[in-house]
C-alpha atoms as a PDB file:
ATOM      1  CA  UNK A   1     -16.924  16.894 -12.198  1.00  0.00           C
ATOM      2  CA  UNK A   2     -13.158  16.817 -12.165  1.00  0.00           C
ATOM      3  CA  UNK A   3     -11.433  13.521 -12.770  1.00  0.00           C
ATOM      4  CA  UNK A   4      -9.134  12.274 -10.064  1.00  0.00           C
ATOM      5  CA  UNK A   5      -5.532  12.672 -11.041  1.00  0.00           C
ATOM      6  CA  UNK A   6      -3.313   9.777 -11.996  1.00  0.00           C
ATOM      7  CA  UNK A   7      -5.640   6.806 -11.597  1.00  0.00           C
ATOM      8  CA  UNK A   8      -3.009   4.118 -12.093  1.00  0.00           C
ATOM      9  CA  UNK A   9      -0.806   4.669  -9.087  1.00  0.00           C
ATOM     10  CA  UNK A  10      -1.324   6.894  -6.143  1.00  0.00           C
ATOM     11  CA  UNK A  11       2.203   6.418  -4.970  1.00  0.00           C
ATOM     12  CA  UNK A  12       1.690   9.639  -3.050  1.00  0.00           C
ATOM     13  CA  UNK A  13       3.338   8.270   0.029  1.00  0.00           C
ATOM     14  CA  UNK A  14       6.777   6.786  -0.394  1.00  0.00           C
ATOM     15  CA  UNK A  15       8.453   6.352   2.930  1.00  0.00           C
ATOM     16  CA  UNK A  16      11.989   5.127   3.175  1.00  0.00           C
ATOM     17  CA  UNK A  17      13.187   4.065   6.594  1.00  0.00           C
ATOM     18  CA  UNK A  18      16.725   3.221   7.624  1.00  0.00           C
ATOM     19  CA  UNK A  19      16.424   0.623  10.320  1.00  0.00           C
ATOM     20  CA  UNK A  20      20.002  -0.397  10.944  1.00  0.00           C
ATOM     21  CA  UNK A  21      18.676  -3.874  11.778  1.00  0.00           C
ATOM     22  CA  UNK A  22      21.639  -6.183  12.329  1.00  0.00           C
ATOM     23  CA  UNK A  23      19.643  -9.253  11.220  1.00  0.00           C
ATOM     24  CA  UNK A  24      18.376  -7.682   7.984  1.00  0.00           C
ATOM     25  CA  UNK A  25      18.341 -10.313   5.271  1.00  0.00           C
ATOM     26  CA  UNK A  26      17.747  -7.990   2.309  1.00  0.00           C
ATOM     27  CA  UNK A  27      18.875  -4.524   1.312  1.00  0.00           C
ATOM     28  CA  UNK A  28      15.301  -3.360   0.556  1.00  0.00           C
ATOM     29  CA  UNK A  29      11.702  -4.398   1.179  1.00  0.00           C
ATOM     30  CA  UNK A  30       9.035  -2.846  -1.046  1.00  0.00           C
ATOM     31  CA  UNK A  31       5.575  -2.939   0.533  1.00  0.00           C
ATOM     32  CA  UNK A  32       2.628  -2.085  -1.724  1.00  0.00           C
ATOM     33  CA  UNK A  33      -0.663  -1.323   0.063  1.00  0.00           C
ATOM     34  CA  UNK A  34      -2.782  -1.961  -3.048  1.00  0.00           C
ATOM     35  CA  UNK A  35      -6.380  -0.872  -2.534  1.00  0.00           C
ATOM     36  CA  UNK A  36      -8.331  -2.180  -5.506  1.00  0.00           C
ATOM     37  CA  UNK A  37     -11.648  -2.220  -3.620  1.00  0.00           C
ATOM     38  CA  UNK A  38     -12.965   0.367  -6.089  1.00  0.00           C
ATOM     39  CA  UNK A  39     -13.013   0.976  -9.827  1.00  0.00           C
ATOM     40  CA  UNK A  40      -9.194   0.519 -10.053  1.00  0.00           C
ATOM     41  CA  UNK A  41      -9.203  -3.226  -9.354  1.00  0.00           C
ATOM     42  CA  UNK A  42      -8.298  -4.039 -12.968  1.00  0.00           C
ATOM     43  CA  UNK A  43      -5.292  -1.687 -12.834  1.00  0.00           C
ATOM     44  CA  UNK A  44      -4.139  -3.220  -9.557  1.00  0.00           C
ATOM     45  CA  UNK A  45      -4.203  -6.685 -11.100  1.00  0.00           C
ATOM     46  CA  UNK A  46      -2.222  -5.382 -14.079  1.00  0.00           C
ATOM     47  CA  UNK A  47       0.377  -3.823 -11.769  1.00  0.00           C
ATOM     48  CA  UNK A  48       0.788  -7.079  -9.828  1.00  0.00           C
ATOM     49  CA  UNK A  49       1.387  -8.809 -13.180  1.00  0.00           C
ATOM     50  CA  UNK A  50       4.111  -6.244 -13.912  1.00  0.00           C
ATOM     51  CA  UNK A  51       5.719  -6.897 -10.512  1.00  0.00           C
ATOM     52  CA  UNK A  52       5.758 -10.633 -11.338  1.00  0.00           C
ATOM     53  CA  UNK A  53       7.987  -9.900 -14.338  1.00  0.00           C
ATOM     54  CA  UNK A  54      10.738  -8.740 -11.964  1.00  0.00           C
ATOM     55  CA  UNK A  55       9.957 -10.442  -8.668  1.00  0.00           C
ATOM     56  CA  UNK A  56      11.904 -10.444  -5.437  1.00  0.00           C
ATOM     57  CA  UNK A  57      15.671 -10.837  -5.635  1.00  0.00           C
ATOM     58  CA  UNK A  58      18.545 -11.549  -3.284  1.00  0.00           C
ATOM     59  CA  UNK A  59      18.586  -7.787  -2.480  1.00  0.00           C
ATOM     60  CA  UNK A  60      14.840  -6.974  -2.604  1.00  0.00           C
ATOM     61  CA  UNK A  61      11.614  -8.415  -1.241  1.00  0.00           C
ATOM     62  CA  UNK A  62       8.336  -7.325  -2.860  1.00  0.00           C
ATOM     63  CA  UNK A  63       5.208  -7.800  -0.756  1.00  0.00           C
ATOM     64  CA  UNK A  64       1.696  -6.631  -1.592  1.00  0.00           C
ATOM     65  CA  UNK A  65      -1.485  -6.317   0.451  1.00  0.00           C
ATOM     66  CA  UNK A  66      -4.230  -6.336  -2.210  1.00  0.00           C
ATOM     67  CA  UNK A  67      -7.950  -5.812  -1.782  1.00  0.00           C
ATOM     68  CA  UNK A  68     -10.335  -6.433  -4.689  1.00  0.00           C
ATOM     69  CA  UNK A  69     -13.642  -4.913  -5.712  1.00  0.00           C
ATOM     70  CA  UNK A  70     -16.726  -7.061  -5.425  1.00  0.00           C
ATOM     71  CA  UNK A  71     -15.498  -9.782  -3.097  1.00  0.00           C
ATOM     72  CA  UNK A  72     -14.834 -10.218   0.593  1.00  0.00           C
ATOM     73  CA  UNK A  73     -11.196 -11.162   0.428  1.00  0.00           C
ATOM     74  CA  UNK A  74      -7.950  -9.301   0.862  1.00  0.00           C
ATOM     75  CA  UNK A  75      -4.763 -11.077  -0.166  1.00  0.00           C
ATOM     76  CA  UNK A  76      -1.184 -10.732   0.979  1.00  0.00           C
ATOM     77  CA  UNK A  77       1.326 -11.628  -1.749  1.00  0.00           C
ATOM     78  CA  UNK A  78       5.014 -12.386  -1.732  1.00  0.00           C
ATOM     79  CA  UNK A  79       6.023 -11.578  -5.291  1.00  0.00           C
ATOM     80  CA  UNK A  80       8.502 -13.917  -6.971  1.00  0.00           C
ATOM     81  CA  UNK A  81       9.592 -13.750 -10.592  1.00  0.00           C
ATOM     82  CA  UNK A  82       6.740 -15.397 -12.490  1.00  0.00           C
ATOM     83  CA  UNK A  83       4.742 -16.449  -9.427  1.00  0.00           C
ATOM     84  CA  UNK A  84       3.418 -15.296  -6.103  1.00  0.00           C
ATOM     85  CA  UNK A  85       2.766 -16.845  -2.739  1.00  0.00           C
ATOM     86  CA  UNK A  86      -0.679 -15.692  -1.602  1.00  0.00           C
ATOM     87  CA  UNK A  87      -2.351 -15.713   1.788  1.00  0.00           C
ATOM     88  CA  UNK A  88      -6.087 -14.940   1.954  1.00  0.00           C
ATOM     89  CA  UNK A  89      -6.953 -12.699   4.912  1.00  0.00           C
ATOM     90  CA  UNK A  90     -10.695 -12.068   4.593  1.00  0.00           C
ATOM     91  CA  UNK A  91     -12.116  -8.596   3.988  1.00  0.00           C
ATOM     92  CA  UNK A  92     -10.024  -5.699   5.320  1.00  0.00           C
ATOM     93  CA  UNK A  93     -10.921  -2.012   5.304  1.00  0.00           C
ATOM     94  CA  UNK A  94      -8.152  -0.570   3.119  1.00  0.00           C
ATOM     95  CA  UNK A  95      -9.480   2.911   3.894  1.00  0.00           C
ATOM     96  CA  UNK A  96      -8.358   2.493   7.507  1.00  0.00           C
ATOM     97  CA  UNK A  97      -4.874   3.883   8.181  1.00  0.00           C
ATOM     98  CA  UNK A  98      -4.448   1.306  10.946  1.00  0.00           C
ATOM     99  CA  UNK A  99      -4.610  -1.453   8.305  1.00  0.00           C
ATOM    100  CA  UNK A 100      -1.732   0.255   6.480  1.00  0.00           C
ATOM    101  CA  UNK A 101       0.210   0.379   9.744  1.00  0.00           C
ATOM    102  CA  UNK A 102      -0.529  -3.292  10.467  1.00  0.00           C
ATOM    103  CA  UNK A 103       0.787  -4.231   7.005  1.00  0.00           C
ATOM    104  CA  UNK A 104       3.921  -2.157   7.570  1.00  0.00           C
ATOM    105  CA  UNK A 105       4.567  -3.806  10.949  1.00  0.00           C
ATOM    106  CA  UNK A 106       3.992  -7.263   9.454  1.00  0.00           C
ATOM    107  CA  UNK A 107       6.381  -6.439   6.597  1.00  0.00           C
ATOM    108  CA  UNK A 108       9.151  -5.252   8.926  1.00  0.00           C
ATOM    109  CA  UNK A 109       8.735  -8.329  11.133  1.00  0.00           C
ATOM    110  CA  UNK A 110       8.551 -10.880   8.294  1.00  0.00           C
ATOM    111  CA  UNK A 111      10.771  -9.273   5.647  1.00  0.00           C
ATOM    112  CA  UNK A 112      13.613  -7.566   7.530  1.00  0.00           C
ATOM    113  CA  UNK A 113      15.735  -5.234   5.444  1.00  0.00           C
ATOM    114  CA  UNK A 114      18.112  -2.330   5.730  1.00  0.00           C
ATOM    115  CA  UNK A 115      15.590  -0.026   4.011  1.00  0.00           C
ATOM    116  CA  UNK A 116      11.841  -0.009   3.449  1.00  0.00           C
ATOM    117  CA  UNK A 117       9.638   1.612   0.820  1.00  0.00           C
ATOM    118  CA  UNK A 118       5.922   1.837   1.572  1.00  0.00           C
ATOM    119  CA  UNK A 119       3.611   2.606  -1.354  1.00  0.00           C
ATOM    120  CA  UNK A 120      -0.062   3.460  -0.919  1.00  0.00           C
ATOM    121  CA  UNK A 121      -1.637   2.505  -4.243  1.00  0.00           C
ATOM    122  CA  UNK A 122      -5.128   3.833  -5.018  1.00  0.00           C
ATOM    123  CA  UNK A 123      -7.160   6.887  -5.884  1.00  0.00           C
ATOM    124  CA  UNK A 124      -5.965  10.130  -4.414  1.00  0.00           C
ATOM    125  CA  UNK A 125      -7.925  13.344  -4.308  1.00  0.00           C
ATOM    126  CA  UNK A 126      -5.172  15.799  -3.514  1.00  0.00           C
ATOM    127  CA  UNK A 127      -4.167  17.745  -0.466  1.00  0.00           C
ATOM    128  CA  UNK A 128      -6.185  20.954  -0.706  1.00  0.00           C
ATOM    129  CA  UNK A 129      -9.622  21.883  -2.007  1.00  0.00           C
ATOM    130  CA  UNK A 130      -9.967  24.276  -4.890  1.00  0.00           C
ATOM    131  CA  UNK A 131     -12.220  27.263  -4.133  1.00  0.00           C
ATOM    132  CA  UNK A 132     -15.833  26.163  -4.288  1.00  0.00           C
ATOM    133  CA  UNK A 133     -14.943  22.477  -4.571  1.00  0.00           C
ATOM    134  CA  UNK A 134     -16.745  20.026  -2.294  1.00  0.00           C
ATOM    135  CA  UNK A 135     -14.450  17.043  -2.855  1.00  0.00           C
ATOM    136  CA  UNK A 136     -13.264  14.957   0.101  1.00  0.00           C
ATOM    137  CA  UNK A 137      -9.458  14.924   0.282  1.00  0.00           C
ATOM    138  CA  UNK A 138      -7.436  11.829   1.062  1.00  0.00           C
ATOM    139  CA  UNK A 139      -6.135   8.528  -0.335  1.00  0.00           C
ATOM    140  CA  UNK A 140      -6.944   4.817  -0.386  1.00  0.00           C
ATOM    141  CA  UNK A 141     -10.690   5.012  -1.032  1.00  0.00           C
ATOM    142  CA  UNK A 142     -12.331   1.689  -0.137  1.00  0.00           C
ATOM    143  CA  UNK A 143     -15.729   1.511  -1.870  1.00  0.00           C
ATOM    144  CA  UNK A 144     -16.968  -1.420   0.213  1.00  0.00           C
ATOM    145  CA  UNK A 145     -16.435   0.281   3.570  1.00  0.00           C
ATOM    146  CA  UNK A 146     -16.900   3.829   2.273  1.00  0.00           C
ATOM    147  CA  UNK A 147     -13.772   4.783   4.212  1.00  0.00           C
ATOM    148  CA  UNK A 148     -10.524   6.452   3.144  1.00  0.00           C
ATOM    149  CA  UNK A 149      -7.262   7.627   4.689  1.00  0.00           C
ATOM    150  CA  UNK A 150      -7.395  11.357   5.331  1.00  0.00           C
ATOM    151  CA  UNK A 151      -4.471  13.729   5.008  1.00  0.00           C
ATOM    152  CA  UNK A 152      -4.159  14.087   8.819  1.00  0.00           C
ATOM    153  CA  UNK A 153      -4.240  10.288   9.138  1.00  0.00           C
ATOM    154  CA  UNK A 154      -1.302  10.085   6.712  1.00  0.00           C
ATOM    155  CA  UNK A 155       0.620  12.097   9.308  1.00  0.00           C
ATOM    156  CA  UNK A 156      -0.398   9.675  12.048  1.00  0.00           C
ATOM    157  CA  UNK A 157       0.633   6.752   9.850  1.00  0.00           C
ATOM    158  CA  UNK A 158       4.034   8.274   9.125  1.00  0.00           C
ATOM    159  CA  UNK A 159       4.649   9.018  12.805  1.00  0.00           C
ATOM    160  CA  UNK A 160       3.655   5.461  13.815  1.00  0.00           C
ATOM    161  CA  UNK A 161       5.899   3.952  11.117  1.00  0.00           C
ATOM    162  CA  UNK A 162       8.863   5.983  12.303  1.00  0.00           C
ATOM    163  CA  UNK A 163       8.341   4.682  15.839  1.00  0.00           C
ATOM    164  CA  UNK A 164       8.705   1.147  14.435  1.00  0.00           C
ATOM    165  CA  UNK A 165      12.304   1.877  13.349  1.00  0.00           C
ATOM    166  CA  UNK A 166      14.901  -0.269  15.058  1.00  0.00           C
END
């Protein structure tokens, strides 16, 4: 069985949107859709710890939607240097592209900026199957729900995010 490539960060989908919002408070907002509801939970926690070393600044907001393996709670974090403000949201299906869209919309509404970066953090299984391979392709595999975001759904997500531009 082939190992999935690059288990630490999927980061396969970086979307940068120019909004031209007149009331933007920051230059950038980084949104990390961190699906740790699988065997990468430990790595997700380590990456949040790394983000805490830098934290949000006067030019950048860092927000994270983080799901964990083995519990029924998803958390939304505002990352500060050395600390985070956390809101518990209950269990969310991080394999549902609509959840990614909801997080993006929430981020735009609550952390206005001139530019946005959206990072889907999780396992990724590539775009195309190798001959004879039976692997399901997609990203953001949620072990609790058994769901994931498919490649076509990434297109729907991107299209929906672009329609949110102001």
